Amino acid sequence: MLQLGDFCAWISVDDAEVPQYAIKHFPDLEQVICWIPSQADKQFAVCWKDPAGLVESVGYLAVDGIPCGAKRLHAASFPGQGKRIETVKKGTVSTSLTTERPLSFARLELTDDDLYLNIPASPELGDIRLDVFEVQAEGDIGFSQPDMPPDKQILHERTKKAVEHRVKLGDETQCQKKKFGKIRKVRCLCTFIFKYRPIEVLQANGIAPIDTKRKWIIKVSEDVIDLTEEYEDRDTKRVKTETKANIKKETEATIKKETKANVKTEITAEIKTDIKAEIKAEIKLEPKVKHEMKPKVKREPGRRTIQQLGGVIDLTSA
């Protein structure tokens, strides 16, 4: 979670804290900024706490540059509160005293229709902002409808500001009757900004590490439960595919080499067997030669003769 002074803040999805990446502190501005992964059609809540409770405070929430209401944290000295609540969660926008709509990530709708080309994208599109102020209460008031993210938002594909998700509101549900009060801002205590993008975008830009395991932390009372979720990213799948292809190629080459060697061995053995059989056959068929008296040959001067089996050839030099 992010921390600035006495306050901490984080984004929760399915009651689990979403990991933060590339955290940057700006002490002069009392501001801290980070990146978080978003997933389309997933509801989320903004959580913050003040364990010290030195002042009365209110957290003002804005998504994509649109204010979405606020929640109050009492100081430890606030009278009549019993056990002080240190942590608040805001995951809805009130539509009446007894109804609300949940905050949810959604895919940004894009078009190539030039009619939308002049519709500017908010510079805060893709940001969840929490401004915490020290306040003074000035009494209760009736319900006042806060601003809300639009149900439908279409941008030209050339003006999307490299953002793939936006925040939208889910279906309206009933809730416990709420109480609203009028306050006066004293000073800004801190600001938390969560820049949300799909995990693939964060990994492609070197903001989030490429890992095959993702850890979510759920806090139940004082216990911390580690829920490790296995998943495969595109790069992991690509590496697996390439490795499988290489192994297949090497295996085929090995099999071909072994087969060739085996065939060569078998042929060599077969040839040796055939040669042995032919030699044995020739030995059996070879006729016995009788020793006869060789006829005398009259030698002429200047001639050399070589007696060969089967005739005489002339070796006289010219």
C-alpha atoms as a PDB file:
ATOM      1  CA  MET A   1       0.000   0.000   0.000  1.00  0.00           C
ATOM      2  CA  LEU A   2       0.991   3.616  -0.455  1.00  0.00           C
ATOM      3  CA  GLN A   3       1.883   5.710   2.591  1.00  0.00           C
ATOM      4  CA  LEU A   4       2.233   9.423   3.059  1.00  0.00           C
ATOM      5  CA  GLY A   5       2.479  10.885   6.538  1.00  0.00           C
ATOM      6  CA  ASP A   6      -0.061   9.228   8.817  1.00  0.00           C
ATOM      7  CA  PHE A   7      -2.230   8.008   5.933  1.00  0.00           C
ATOM      8  CA  CYS A   8      -2.132   4.823   3.846  1.00  0.00           C
ATOM      9  CA  ALA A   9      -4.138   4.058   0.683  1.00  0.00           C
ATOM     10  CA  TRP A  10      -4.630   1.162  -1.741  1.00  0.00           C
ATOM     11  CA  ILE A  11      -6.990  -0.214  -4.381  1.00  0.00           C
ATOM     12  CA  SER A  12      -8.938  -3.361  -3.574  1.00  0.00           C
ATOM     13  CA  VAL A  13     -10.340  -5.908  -6.065  1.00  0.00           C
ATOM     14  CA  ASP A  14     -12.297  -8.905  -4.757  1.00  0.00           C
ATOM     15  CA  ASP A  15     -11.277  -7.836  -1.221  1.00  0.00           C
ATOM     16  CA  ALA A  16      -7.615  -8.154  -2.223  1.00  0.00           C
ATOM     17  CA  GLU A  17      -5.047  -5.386  -2.346  1.00  0.00           C
ATOM     18  CA  VAL A  18      -3.883  -4.750  -5.901  1.00  0.00           C
ATOM     19  CA  PRO A  19      -0.073  -4.552  -6.257  1.00  0.00           C
ATOM     20  CA  GLN A  20       1.509  -1.160  -6.920  1.00  0.00           C
ATOM     21  CA  TYR A  21       4.420  -0.553  -9.298  1.00  0.00           C
ATOM     22  CA  ALA A  22       6.857   2.320  -9.964  1.00  0.00           C
ATOM     23  CA  ILE A  23       5.927   4.217  -6.801  1.00  0.00           C
ATOM     24  CA  LYS A  24       7.079   7.848  -6.774  1.00  0.00           C
ATOM     25  CA  HIS A  25       6.899  10.268  -3.853  1.00  0.00           C
ATOM     26  CA  PHE A  26       6.693  14.046  -4.224  1.00  0.00           C
ATOM     27  CA  PRO A  27       7.174  15.398  -0.665  1.00  0.00           C
ATOM     28  CA  ASP A  28       6.838  19.041  -1.693  1.00  0.00           C
ATOM     29  CA  LEU A  29       3.396  18.329  -3.143  1.00  0.00           C
ATOM     30  CA  GLU A  30       2.374  15.878  -0.395  1.00  0.00           C
ATOM     31  CA  GLN A  31       1.695  13.457  -3.242  1.00  0.00           C
ATOM     32  CA  VAL A  32       2.510   9.857  -4.146  1.00  0.00           C
ATOM     33  CA  ILE A  33       1.881   8.252  -7.548  1.00  0.00           C
ATOM     34  CA  CYS A  34       1.977   4.608  -8.660  1.00  0.00           C
ATOM     35  CA  TRP A  35       0.790   2.222 -11.390  1.00  0.00           C
ATOM     36  CA  ILE A  36      -1.669  -0.624 -10.828  1.00  0.00           C
ATOM     37  CA  PRO A  37      -3.012  -3.417 -13.088  1.00  0.00           C
ATOM     38  CA  SER A  38      -6.653  -3.187 -14.155  1.00  0.00           C
ATOM     39  CA  GLN A  39      -8.964  -5.862 -15.487  1.00  0.00           C
ATOM     40  CA  ALA A  40     -12.079  -5.110 -17.514  1.00  0.00           C
ATOM     41  CA  ASP A  41     -15.441  -5.828 -15.829  1.00  0.00           C
ATOM     42  CA  LYS A  42     -13.844  -6.044 -12.380  1.00  0.00           C
ATOM     43  CA  GLN A  43     -15.309  -3.956  -9.571  1.00  0.00           C
ATOM     44  CA  PHE A  44     -12.892  -2.139  -7.287  1.00  0.00           C
ATOM     45  CA  ALA A  45     -12.817   0.012  -4.160  1.00  0.00           C
ATOM     46  CA  VAL A  46     -10.492   2.748  -2.935  1.00  0.00           C
ATOM     47  CA  CYS A  47      -9.372   2.188   0.660  1.00  0.00           C
ATOM     48  CA  TRP A  48      -7.499   4.434   3.036  1.00  0.00           C
ATOM     49  CA  LYS A  49      -6.749   4.543   6.755  1.00  0.00           C
ATOM     50  CA  ASP A  50      -5.482   6.881   9.427  1.00  0.00           C
ATOM     51  CA  PRO A  51      -4.297   4.897  12.486  1.00  0.00           C
ATOM     52  CA  ALA A  52      -3.198   8.001  14.383  1.00  0.00           C
ATOM     53  CA  GLY A  53      -6.455   9.914  14.022  1.00  0.00           C
ATOM     54  CA  LEU A  54      -4.938  13.259  14.932  1.00  0.00           C
ATOM     55  CA  VAL A  55      -7.379  15.284  12.820  1.00  0.00           C
ATOM     56  CA  GLU A  56     -10.860  15.039  11.352  1.00  0.00           C
ATOM     57  CA  SER A  57     -10.411  14.142   7.689  1.00  0.00           C
ATOM     58  CA  VAL A  58     -12.332  13.514   4.469  1.00  0.00           C
ATOM     59  CA  GLY A  59     -11.119  11.617   1.405  1.00  0.00           C
ATOM     60  CA  TYR A  60     -12.344  12.992  -1.931  1.00  0.00           C
ATOM     61  CA  LEU A  61     -12.410  10.484  -4.772  1.00  0.00           C
ATOM     62  CA  ALA A  62     -12.096  11.257  -8.480  1.00  0.00           C
ATOM     63  CA  VAL A  63     -11.861   8.758 -11.362  1.00  0.00           C
ATOM     64  CA  ASP A  64     -10.774   9.742 -14.880  1.00  0.00           C
ATOM     65  CA  GLY A  65     -10.931  13.367 -13.693  1.00  0.00           C
ATOM     66  CA  ILE A  66     -14.577  13.059 -12.537  1.00  0.00           C
ATOM     67  CA  PRO A  67     -15.396  13.687  -8.819  1.00  0.00           C
ATOM     68  CA  CYS A  68     -17.289  10.726  -7.313  1.00  0.00           C
ATOM     69  CA  GLY A  69     -18.082  11.821  -3.774  1.00  0.00           C
ATOM     70  CA  ALA A  70     -16.210  11.595  -0.480  1.00  0.00           C
ATOM     71  CA  LYS A  71     -15.998   9.754   2.833  1.00  0.00           C
ATOM     72  CA  ARG A  72     -15.141  10.955   6.323  1.00  0.00           C
ATOM     73  CA  LEU A  73     -12.751   9.608   8.968  1.00  0.00           C
ATOM     74  CA  HIS A  74     -13.270  10.837  12.518  1.00  0.00           C
ATOM     75  CA  ALA A  75     -10.387  11.945  14.674  1.00  0.00           C
ATOM     76  CA  ALA A  76      -9.553   9.848  17.708  1.00  0.00           C
ATOM     77  CA  SER A  77     -10.862  12.683  19.872  1.00  0.00           C
ATOM     78  CA  PHE A  78     -14.275  12.755  18.172  1.00  0.00           C
ATOM     79  CA  PRO A  79     -16.872  12.421  20.941  1.00  0.00           C
ATOM     80  CA  GLY A  80     -19.369   9.590  21.233  1.00  0.00           C
ATOM     81  CA  GLN A  81     -17.969   7.350  18.491  1.00  0.00           C
ATOM     82  CA  GLY A  82     -17.147   4.324  20.645  1.00  0.00           C
ATOM     83  CA  LYS A  83     -14.393   2.235  19.095  1.00  0.00           C
ATOM     84  CA  ARG A  84     -12.843   4.383  16.404  1.00  0.00           C
ATOM     85  CA  ILE A  85     -12.932   3.162  12.795  1.00  0.00           C
ATOM     86  CA  GLU A  86      -9.450   3.620  11.296  1.00  0.00           C
ATOM     87  CA  THR A  87     -10.131   2.400   7.749  1.00  0.00           C
ATOM     88  CA  VAL A  88     -12.728   3.440   5.185  1.00  0.00           C
ATOM     89  CA  LYS A  89     -13.591   1.944   1.805  1.00  0.00           C
ATOM     90  CA  LYS A  90     -15.296   3.667  -1.092  1.00  0.00           C
ATOM     91  CA  GLY A  91     -16.326   1.403  -3.954  1.00  0.00           C
ATOM     92  CA  THR A  92     -19.637   2.989  -4.935  1.00  0.00           C
ATOM     93  CA  VAL A  93     -21.225   6.260  -5.976  1.00  0.00           C
ATOM     94  CA  SER A  94     -24.447   7.215  -4.203  1.00  0.00           C
ATOM     95  CA  THR A  95     -27.512   7.782  -6.377  1.00  0.00           C
ATOM     96  CA  SER A  96     -29.862   8.477  -3.447  1.00  0.00           C
ATOM     97  CA  LEU A  97     -29.968   8.071   0.322  1.00  0.00           C
ATOM     98  CA  THR A  98     -30.646   4.320  -0.112  1.00  0.00           C
ATOM     99  CA  THR A  99     -29.188   3.400  -3.532  1.00  0.00           C
ATOM    100  CA  GLU A 100     -25.725   3.257  -5.043  1.00  0.00           C
ATOM    101  CA  ARG A 101     -23.786   2.029  -8.086  1.00  0.00           C
ATOM    102  CA  PRO A 102     -20.444   0.166  -7.894  1.00  0.00           C
ATOM    103  CA  LEU A 103     -17.210   1.357  -9.494  1.00  0.00           C
ATOM    104  CA  SER A 104     -15.862  -0.953 -12.178  1.00  0.00           C
ATOM    105  CA  PHE A 105     -13.085  -1.099 -14.762  1.00  0.00           C
ATOM    106  CA  ALA A 106     -14.277  -1.277 -18.376  1.00  0.00           C
ATOM    107  CA  ARG A 107     -12.820  -1.358 -21.859  1.00  0.00           C
ATOM    108  CA  LEU A 108     -12.521   2.010 -23.542  1.00  0.00           C
ATOM    109  CA  GLU A 109     -14.739   2.200 -26.610  1.00  0.00           C
ATOM    110  CA  LEU A 110     -12.868   3.450 -29.681  1.00  0.00           C
ATOM    111  CA  THR A 111     -14.026   4.469 -33.145  1.00  0.00           C
ATOM    112  CA  ASP A 112     -12.477   5.635 -36.420  1.00  0.00           C
ATOM    113  CA  ASP A 113     -15.475   7.901 -37.078  1.00  0.00           C
ATOM    114  CA  ASP A 114     -14.063  11.411 -37.613  1.00  0.00           C
ATOM    115  CA  LEU A 115     -17.128  12.892 -35.905  1.00  0.00           C
ATOM    116  CA  TYR A 116     -15.412  11.957 -32.627  1.00  0.00           C
ATOM    117  CA  LEU A 117     -12.023  13.329 -33.651  1.00  0.00           C
ATOM    118  CA  ASN A 118     -12.574  16.700 -31.938  1.00  0.00           C
ATOM    119  CA  ILE A 119     -13.813  15.201 -28.667  1.00  0.00           C
ATOM    120  CA  PRO A 120     -10.797  15.532 -26.345  1.00  0.00           C
ATOM    121  CA  ALA A 121      -9.783  12.836 -23.890  1.00  0.00           C
ATOM    122  CA  SER A 122      -9.418  13.930 -20.292  1.00  0.00           C
ATOM    123  CA  PRO A 123      -5.757  14.282 -19.282  1.00  0.00           C
ATOM    124  CA  GLU A 124      -6.698  12.312 -16.157  1.00  0.00           C
ATOM    125  CA  LEU A 125      -8.218   9.409 -18.079  1.00  0.00           C
ATOM    126  CA  GLY A 126      -6.756   6.252 -16.521  1.00  0.00           C
ATOM    127  CA  ASP A 127      -6.233   7.863 -13.081  1.00  0.00           C
ATOM    128  CA  ILE A 128      -7.846   7.156  -9.713  1.00  0.00           C
ATOM    129  CA  ARG A 129      -7.193  10.101  -7.402  1.00  0.00           C
ATOM    130  CA  LEU A 130      -7.744  10.387  -3.656  1.00  0.00           C
ATOM    131  CA  ASP A 131      -7.278  13.786  -1.982  1.00  0.00           C
ATOM    132  CA  VAL A 132      -7.348  13.713   1.822  1.00  0.00           C
ATOM    133  CA  PHE A 133      -8.217  16.990   3.586  1.00  0.00           C
ATOM    134  CA  GLU A 134      -8.335  18.056   7.164  1.00  0.00           C
ATOM    135  CA  VAL A 135     -11.883  19.351   7.688  1.00  0.00           C
ATOM    136  CA  GLN A 136     -14.253  20.906  10.175  1.00  0.00           C
ATOM    137  CA  ALA A 137     -17.837  19.652  10.368  1.00  0.00           C
ATOM    138  CA  GLU A 138     -20.618  22.197   9.944  1.00  0.00           C
ATOM    139  CA  GLY A 139     -23.713  20.058  10.430  1.00  0.00           C
ATOM    140  CA  ASP A 140     -25.847  17.584   8.505  1.00  0.00           C
ATOM    141  CA  ILE A 141     -27.366  18.210   5.083  1.00  0.00           C
ATOM    142  CA  GLY A 142     -29.623  16.333   2.681  1.00  0.00           C
ATOM    143  CA  PHE A 143     -28.520  14.200  -0.244  1.00  0.00           C
ATOM    144  CA  SER A 144     -26.828  15.929  -3.156  1.00  0.00           C
ATOM    145  CA  GLN A 145     -26.152  13.935  -6.303  1.00  0.00           C
ATOM    146  CA  PRO A 146     -22.380  13.813  -7.015  1.00  0.00           C
ATOM    147  CA  ASP A 147     -20.900  13.707 -10.484  1.00  0.00           C
ATOM    148  CA  MET A 148     -20.661  10.255 -12.047  1.00  0.00           C
ATOM    149  CA  PRO A 149     -18.647   8.617 -14.834  1.00  0.00           C
ATOM    150  CA  PRO A 150     -20.688   8.398 -18.064  1.00  0.00           C
ATOM    151  CA  ASP A 151     -22.460   5.143 -18.849  1.00  0.00           C
ATOM    152  CA  LYS A 152     -21.097   5.308 -22.392  1.00  0.00           C
ATOM    153  CA  GLN A 153     -17.882   6.943 -23.509  1.00  0.00           C
ATOM    154  CA  ILE A 154     -16.546   6.785 -27.074  1.00  0.00           C
ATOM    155  CA  LEU A 155     -13.240   8.268 -28.170  1.00  0.00           C
ATOM    156  CA  HIS A 156     -11.497   8.460 -31.505  1.00  0.00           C
ATOM    157  CA  GLU A 157      -8.742   5.865 -31.753  1.00  0.00           C
ATOM    158  CA  ARG A 158      -6.163   8.621 -32.323  1.00  0.00           C
ATOM    159  CA  THR A 159      -7.020  10.453 -29.103  1.00  0.00           C
ATOM    160  CA  LYS A 160      -7.137   7.583 -26.603  1.00  0.00           C
ATOM    161  CA  LYS A 161      -3.890   8.648 -24.842  1.00  0.00           C
ATOM    162  CA  ALA A 162      -2.533   5.068 -24.830  1.00  0.00           C
ATOM    163  CA  VAL A 163      -5.299   4.044 -22.411  1.00  0.00           C
ATOM    164  CA  GLU A 164      -7.289   0.846 -22.903  1.00  0.00           C
ATOM    165  CA  HIS A 165      -9.558   0.955 -19.840  1.00  0.00           C
ATOM    166  CA  ARG A 166     -11.840   3.481 -18.166  1.00  0.00           C
ATOM    167  CA  VAL A 167     -14.046   3.513 -15.077  1.00  0.00           C
ATOM    168  CA  LYS A 168     -17.791   3.007 -15.386  1.00  0.00           C
ATOM    169  CA  LEU A 169     -20.618   2.376 -12.920  1.00  0.00           C
ATOM    170  CA  GLY A 170     -22.395  -0.935 -12.464  1.00  0.00           C
ATOM    171  CA  ASP A 171     -26.084  -1.563 -11.882  1.00  0.00           C
ATOM    172  CA  GLU A 172     -27.847   0.283  -9.118  1.00  0.00           C
ATOM    173  CA  THR A 173     -28.413  -1.612  -5.855  1.00  0.00           C
ATOM    174  CA  GLN A 174     -30.115  -0.924  -2.534  1.00  0.00           C
ATOM    175  CA  CYS A 175     -27.989   0.016   0.461  1.00  0.00           C
ATOM    176  CA  GLN A 176     -28.324   1.076   4.068  1.00  0.00           C
ATOM    177  CA  LYS A 177     -29.613   4.623   4.473  1.00  0.00           C
ATOM    178  CA  LYS A 178     -26.739   7.070   4.392  1.00  0.00           C
ATOM    179  CA  LYS A 179     -26.107  10.307   6.224  1.00  0.00           C
ATOM    180  CA  PHE A 180     -24.554  13.343   4.590  1.00  0.00           C
ATOM    181  CA  GLY A 181     -22.874  16.311   6.236  1.00  0.00           C
ATOM    182  CA  LYS A 182     -21.559  19.730   5.365  1.00  0.00           C
ATOM    183  CA  ILE A 183     -17.862  20.329   5.978  1.00  0.00           C
ATOM    184  CA  ARG A 184     -15.270  23.031   5.502  1.00  0.00           C
ATOM    185  CA  LYS A 185     -11.830  22.213   4.135  1.00  0.00           C
ATOM    186  CA  VAL A 186      -8.908  23.322   6.297  1.00  0.00           C
ATOM    187  CA  ARG A 187      -5.889  22.032   4.359  1.00  0.00           C
ATOM    188  CA  CYS A 188      -4.840  19.227   2.023  1.00  0.00           C
ATOM    189  CA  LEU A 189      -3.018  16.503   3.937  1.00  0.00           C
ATOM    190  CA  CYS A 190      -1.988  14.187   1.100  1.00  0.00           C
ATOM    191  CA  THR A 191      -2.860  12.984  -2.390  1.00  0.00           C
ATOM    192  CA  PHE A 192      -2.697   9.430  -3.746  1.00  0.00           C
ATOM    193  CA  ILE A 193      -2.842   8.818  -7.505  1.00  0.00           C
ATOM    194  CA  PHE A 194      -3.249   5.307  -8.926  1.00  0.00           C
ATOM    195  CA  LYS A 195      -2.635   5.077 -12.678  1.00  0.00           C
ATOM    196  CA  TYR A 196      -4.398   1.963 -13.943  1.00  0.00           C
ATOM    197  CA  ARG A 197      -3.585   0.004 -17.104  1.00  0.00           C
ATOM    198  CA  PRO A 198      -3.940  -3.669 -18.199  1.00  0.00           C
ATOM    199  CA  ILE A 199      -1.123  -5.806 -16.779  1.00  0.00           C
ATOM    200  CA  GLU A 200       0.101  -6.562 -20.333  1.00  0.00           C
ATOM    201  CA  VAL A 201       0.590  -2.833 -20.970  1.00  0.00           C
ATOM    202  CA  LEU A 202       2.503  -2.368 -17.706  1.00  0.00           C
ATOM    203  CA  GLN A 203       4.734  -5.356 -18.515  1.00  0.00           C
ATOM    204  CA  ALA A 204       5.350  -4.230 -22.108  1.00  0.00           C
ATOM    205  CA  ASN A 205       6.518  -0.837 -20.821  1.00  0.00           C
ATOM    206  CA  GLY A 206       8.790  -2.313 -18.144  1.00  0.00           C
ATOM    207  CA  ILE A 207       6.631  -1.003 -15.281  1.00  0.00           C
ATOM    208  CA  ALA A 208       5.498  -4.389 -13.968  1.00  0.00           C
ATOM    209  CA  PRO A 209       7.748  -7.467 -13.951  1.00  0.00           C
ATOM    210  CA  ILE A 210       6.939 -10.408 -16.199  1.00  0.00           C
ATOM    211  CA  ASP A 211       6.246 -13.229 -13.787  1.00  0.00           C
ATOM    212  CA  THR A 212       4.247 -16.475 -13.863  1.00  0.00           C
ATOM    213  CA  LYS A 213       2.931 -15.865 -10.367  1.00  0.00           C
ATOM    214  CA  ARG A 214       0.884 -12.978  -9.070  1.00  0.00           C
ATOM    215  CA  LYS A 215       0.288 -12.445  -5.377  1.00  0.00           C
ATOM    216  CA  TRP A 216      -2.746 -10.811  -3.839  1.00  0.00           C
ATOM    217  CA  ILE A 217      -2.937  -9.942  -0.189  1.00  0.00           C
ATOM    218  CA  ILE A 218      -6.207 -10.203   1.729  1.00  0.00           C
ATOM    219  CA  LYS A 219      -6.426  -8.789   5.224  1.00  0.00           C
ATOM    220  CA  VAL A 220      -8.831 -10.498   7.596  1.00  0.00           C
ATOM    221  CA  SER A 221      -8.640  -8.889  11.025  1.00  0.00           C
ATOM    222  CA  GLU A 222      -4.917  -9.032  11.786  1.00  0.00           C
ATOM    223  CA  ASP A 223      -4.138 -12.042   9.595  1.00  0.00           C
ATOM    224  CA  VAL A 224      -2.506 -11.807   6.171  1.00  0.00           C
ATOM    225  CA  ILE A 225      -3.397 -14.547   3.675  1.00  0.00           C
ATOM    226  CA  ASP A 226      -1.205 -15.140   0.661  1.00  0.00           C
ATOM    227  CA  LEU A 227      -3.309 -16.177  -2.336  1.00  0.00           C
ATOM    228  CA  THR A 228      -0.986 -17.069  -5.202  1.00  0.00           C
ATOM    229  CA  GLU A 229      -2.675 -17.174  -8.586  1.00  0.00           C
ATOM    230  CA  GLU A 230      -1.053 -19.066 -11.422  1.00  0.00           C
ATOM    231  CA  TYR A 231      -1.343 -17.571 -14.879  1.00  0.00           C
ATOM    232  CA  GLU A 232       0.476 -17.502 -18.176  1.00  0.00           C
ATOM    233  CA  ASP A 233       1.363 -14.340 -19.968  1.00  0.00           C
ATOM    234  CA  ARG A 234       1.863 -13.971 -23.720  1.00  0.00           C
ATOM    235  CA  ASP A 235       5.660 -13.993 -23.487  1.00  0.00           C
ATOM    236  CA  THR A 236       5.583 -17.149 -21.353  1.00  0.00           C
ATOM    237  CA  LYS A 237       3.314 -18.866 -23.884  1.00  0.00           C
ATOM    238  CA  ARG A 238       5.598 -17.724 -26.723  1.00  0.00           C
ATOM    239  CA  VAL A 239       8.698 -19.083 -24.952  1.00  0.00           C
ATOM    240  CA  LYS A 240       6.918 -22.386 -24.270  1.00  0.00           C
ATOM    241  CA  THR A 241       5.896 -22.664 -27.941  1.00  0.00           C
ATOM    242  CA  GLU A 242       9.410 -21.899 -29.175  1.00  0.00           C
ATOM    243  CA  THR A 243      10.966 -24.326 -26.679  1.00  0.00           C
ATOM    244  CA  LYS A 244       8.527 -27.061 -27.691  1.00  0.00           C
ATOM    245  CA  ALA A 245       9.365 -26.488 -31.380  1.00  0.00           C
ATOM    246  CA  ASN A 246      13.126 -26.622 -30.672  1.00  0.00           C
ATOM    247  CA  ILE A 247      12.795 -29.815 -28.630  1.00  0.00           C
ATOM    248  CA  LYS A 248      10.689 -31.395 -31.382  1.00  0.00           C
ATOM    249  CA  LYS A 249      13.273 -30.385 -34.007  1.00  0.00           C
ATOM    250  CA  GLU A 250      16.181 -31.759 -31.950  1.00  0.00           C
ATOM    251  CA  THR A 251      14.296 -34.989 -31.221  1.00  0.00           C
ATOM    252  CA  GLU A 252      13.503 -35.536 -34.911  1.00  0.00           C
ATOM    253  CA  ALA A 253      17.161 -34.924 -35.821  1.00  0.00           C
ATOM    254  CA  THR A 254      18.312 -37.401 -33.159  1.00  0.00           C
ATOM    255  CA  ILE A 255      15.842 -40.043 -34.342  1.00  0.00           C
ATOM    256  CA  LYS A 256      16.918 -39.583 -37.963  1.00  0.00           C
ATOM    257  CA  LYS A 257      20.586 -39.851 -36.983  1.00  0.00           C
ATOM    258  CA  GLU A 258      20.000 -42.990 -34.904  1.00  0.00           C
ATOM    259  CA  THR A 259      17.848 -44.554 -37.644  1.00  0.00           C
ATOM    260  CA  LYS A 260      20.513 -43.828 -40.257  1.00  0.00           C
ATOM    261  CA  ALA A 261      23.199 -45.358 -38.029  1.00  0.00           C
ATOM    262  CA  ASN A 262      21.056 -48.453 -37.398  1.00  0.00           C
ATOM    263  CA  VAL A 263      20.326 -48.889 -41.111  1.00  0.00           C
ATOM    264  CA  LYS A 264      24.022 -48.491 -41.929  1.00  0.00           C
ATOM    265  CA  THR A 265      24.912 -51.119 -39.321  1.00  0.00           C
ATOM    266  CA  GLU A 266      22.297 -53.513 -40.676  1.00  0.00           C
ATOM    267  CA  ILE A 267      23.451 -53.001 -44.293  1.00  0.00           C
ATOM    268  CA  THR A 268      27.102 -53.488 -43.299  1.00  0.00           C
ATOM    269  CA  ALA A 269      26.244 -56.715 -41.500  1.00  0.00           C
ATOM    270  CA  GLU A 270      24.188 -57.907 -44.477  1.00  0.00           C
ATOM    271  CA  ILE A 271      27.011 -57.110 -46.931  1.00  0.00           C
ATOM    272  CA  LYS A 272      29.535 -58.949 -44.764  1.00  0.00           C
ATOM    273  CA  THR A 273      27.261 -61.983 -44.654  1.00  0.00           C
ATOM    274  CA  ASP A 274      26.813 -61.930 -48.458  1.00  0.00           C
ATOM    275  CA  ILE A 275      30.580 -61.595 -49.042  1.00  0.00           C
ATOM    276  CA  LYS A 276      31.321 -64.520 -46.725  1.00  0.00           C
ATOM    277  CA  ALA A 277      28.757 -66.658 -48.555  1.00  0.00           C
ATOM    278  CA  GLU A 278      30.206 -65.716 -51.942  1.00  0.00           C
ATOM    279  CA  ILE A 279      33.761 -66.527 -50.791  1.00  0.00           C
ATOM    280  CA  LYS A 280      32.674 -69.932 -49.475  1.00  0.00           C
ATOM    281  CA  ALA A 281      30.862 -70.675 -52.729  1.00  0.00           C
ATOM    282  CA  GLU A 282      33.905 -69.743 -54.809  1.00  0.00           C
ATOM    283  CA  ILE A 283      36.135 -71.983 -52.705  1.00  0.00           C
ATOM    284  CA  LYS A 284      33.839 -74.954 -53.274  1.00  0.00           C
ATOM    285  CA  LEU A 285      33.551 -74.373 -57.051  1.00  0.00           C
ATOM    286  CA  GLU A 286      37.274 -73.721 -57.742  1.00  0.00           C
ATOM    287  CA  PRO A 287      38.683 -76.661 -59.926  1.00  0.00           C
ATOM    288  CA  LYS A 288      41.795 -78.528 -58.957  1.00  0.00           C
ATOM    289  CA  VAL A 289      44.781 -77.713 -61.198  1.00  0.00           C
ATOM    290  CA  LYS A 290      46.946 -80.643 -62.396  1.00  0.00           C
ATOM    291  CA  HIS A 291      50.695 -80.103 -62.548  1.00  0.00           C
ATOM    292  CA  GLU A 292      51.759 -80.687 -66.162  1.00  0.00           C
ATOM    293  CA  MET A 293      55.100 -80.368 -67.817  1.00  0.00           C
ATOM    294  CA  LYS A 294      55.492 -76.888 -69.194  1.00  0.00           C
ATOM    295  CA  PRO A 295      56.451 -76.828 -72.904  1.00  0.00           C
ATOM    296  CA  LYS A 296      59.796 -75.372 -73.727  1.00  0.00           C
ATOM    297  CA  VAL A 297      59.582 -72.065 -75.510  1.00  0.00           C
ATOM    298  CA  LYS A 298      62.303 -70.972 -77.890  1.00  0.00           C
ATOM    299  CA  ARG A 299      63.556 -67.552 -76.939  1.00  0.00           C
ATOM    300  CA  GLU A 300      64.466 -65.064 -79.589  1.00  0.00           C
ATOM    301  CA  PRO A 301      67.280 -62.588 -79.035  1.00  0.00           C
ATOM    302  CA  GLY A 302      66.111 -59.212 -77.725  1.00  0.00           C
ATOM    303  CA  ARG A 303      62.750 -60.522 -76.556  1.00  0.00           C
ATOM    304  CA  ARG A 304      61.572 -61.058 -73.036  1.00  0.00           C
ATOM    305  CA  THR A 305      58.712 -63.257 -72.290  1.00  0.00           C
ATOM    306  CA  ILE A 306      56.539 -63.677 -69.224  1.00  0.00           C
ATOM    307  CA  GLN A 307      54.781 -66.900 -68.710  1.00  0.00           C
ATOM    308  CA  GLN A 308      51.222 -66.239 -67.552  1.00  0.00           C
ATOM    309  CA  LEU A 309      48.443 -68.556 -66.825  1.00  0.00           C
ATOM    310  CA  GLY A 310      46.169 -68.497 -69.834  1.00  0.00           C
ATOM    311  CA  GLY A 311      48.745 -67.321 -72.473  1.00  0.00           C
ATOM    312  CA  VAL A 312      51.861 -65.287 -73.349  1.00  0.00           C
ATOM    313  CA  ILE A 313      51.922 -61.534 -73.949  1.00  0.00           C
ATOM    314  CA  ASP A 314      54.663 -59.596 -75.720  1.00  0.00           C
ATOM    315  CA  LEU A 315      56.617 -57.123 -73.549  1.00  0.00           C
ATOM    316  CA  THR A 316      59.220 -56.199 -76.219  1.00  0.00           C
ATOM    317  CA  SER A 317      60.260 -52.568 -75.965  1.00  0.00           C
ATOM    318  CA  ALA A 318      59.809 -50.702 -79.253  1.00  0.00           C
END
